[in-house]
């Protein structure tokens, strides 16, 4: 006989355990692709935007990159 498969429900959610990686943010200039350093708060990446804008006044569009750890938790067997 072969292996049997038994389905199981799972839940995915942000990992809030102390051992989880921190949530980080960075900004990217859409005109030239230059990126800010990653930071655990939003102040440093947003501050980088204004420094970059002073050097490149025509660069007006930016993307925020957010990295958030997630964890899958096994649920009941179906």
Protein backbone atom coordinates (compact mmCIF):
# COMPACT_ATOMS: atom_id res chain seq x y z
CA UNK A 1 0.00 0.00 0.00
CA UNK A 2 1.08 3.55 -0.65
CA UNK A 3 1.24 6.52 1.66
CA UNK A 4 -2.04 8.04 2.73
CA UNK A 5 -2.66 11.75 2.53
CA UNK A 6 -4.72 13.37 5.22
CA UNK A 7 -5.63 17.03 4.61
CA UNK A 8 -5.12 19.56 7.35
CA UNK A 9 -6.32 23.13 7.78
CA UNK A 10 -3.64 25.78 8.20
CA UNK A 11 -3.70 29.42 9.22
CA UNK A 12 -1.23 32.07 8.08
CA UNK A 13 -0.70 35.25 10.10
CA UNK A 14 2.02 37.77 10.91
CA UNK A 15 4.64 36.20 13.16
CA UNK A 16 4.51 38.12 16.45
CA UNK A 17 6.76 35.79 18.43
CA UNK A 18 9.79 37.34 20.14
CA UNK A 19 12.09 35.23 17.96
CA UNK A 20 10.54 36.55 14.71
CA UNK A 21 12.46 38.80 12.38
CA UNK A 22 11.53 42.47 12.77
CA UNK A 23 9.24 44.29 10.35
CA UNK A 24 11.42 46.48 8.13
CA UNK A 25 10.73 49.25 5.66
CA UNK A 26 12.69 50.79 2.80
CA UNK A 27 11.91 53.31 0.07
CA UNK A 28 12.83 53.01 -3.62
CA UNK A 29 12.99 55.83 -6.16
CA UNK A 30 10.93 54.82 -9.19
CA UNK A 31 12.93 57.14 -11.47
CA UNK A 32 16.40 55.71 -10.86
CA UNK A 33 15.91 52.60 -8.70
CA UNK A 34 18.05 53.83 -5.83
CA UNK A 35 16.92 52.45 -2.45
CA UNK A 36 17.07 53.69 1.11
CA UNK A 37 18.58 51.54 3.83
CA UNK A 38 16.09 49.20 5.52
CA UNK A 39 14.88 50.28 8.93
CA UNK A 40 12.56 49.01 11.65
CA UNK A 41 10.77 52.38 11.70
CA UNK A 42 9.42 54.57 8.92
CA UNK A 43 11.29 57.77 9.83
CA UNK A 44 14.69 56.86 8.36
CA UNK A 45 13.40 55.63 4.95
CA UNK A 46 11.06 58.61 4.59
CA UNK A 47 13.88 60.97 5.57
CA UNK A 48 16.01 59.39 2.86
CA UNK A 49 13.34 60.37 0.29
CA UNK A 50 13.80 64.07 1.08
CA UNK A 51 17.59 63.81 0.90
CA UNK A 52 17.29 62.02 -2.45
CA UNK A 53 14.75 64.57 -3.67
CA UNK A 54 17.11 67.47 -2.90
CA UNK A 55 19.75 65.81 -5.07
CA UNK A 56 17.25 64.83 -7.80
CA UNK A 57 14.32 67.33 -7.87
CA UNK A 58 12.55 65.55 -10.75
CA UNK A 59 12.38 62.21 -8.86
CA UNK A 60 8.89 62.46 -7.37
CA UNK A 61 7.61 58.85 -7.27
CA UNK A 62 8.67 56.27 -4.68
CA UNK A 63 7.74 52.76 -3.59
CA UNK A 64 7.72 51.55 0.00
CA UNK A 65 9.08 48.04 0.52
CA UNK A 66 7.70 46.42 3.66
CA UNK A 67 9.08 43.12 4.92
CA UNK A 68 6.88 41.40 7.50
CA UNK A 69 7.51 37.87 8.78
CA UNK A 70 4.60 35.43 8.62
CA UNK A 71 4.07 32.05 10.25
CA UNK A 72 1.89 29.13 9.19
CA UNK A 73 0.15 27.36 12.07
CA UNK A 74 -1.19 23.84 11.56
CA UNK A 75 -4.86 23.51 12.42
CA UNK A 76 -7.20 20.56 12.81
CA UNK A 77 -7.10 17.53 10.60
CA UNK A 78 -9.91 17.53 8.07
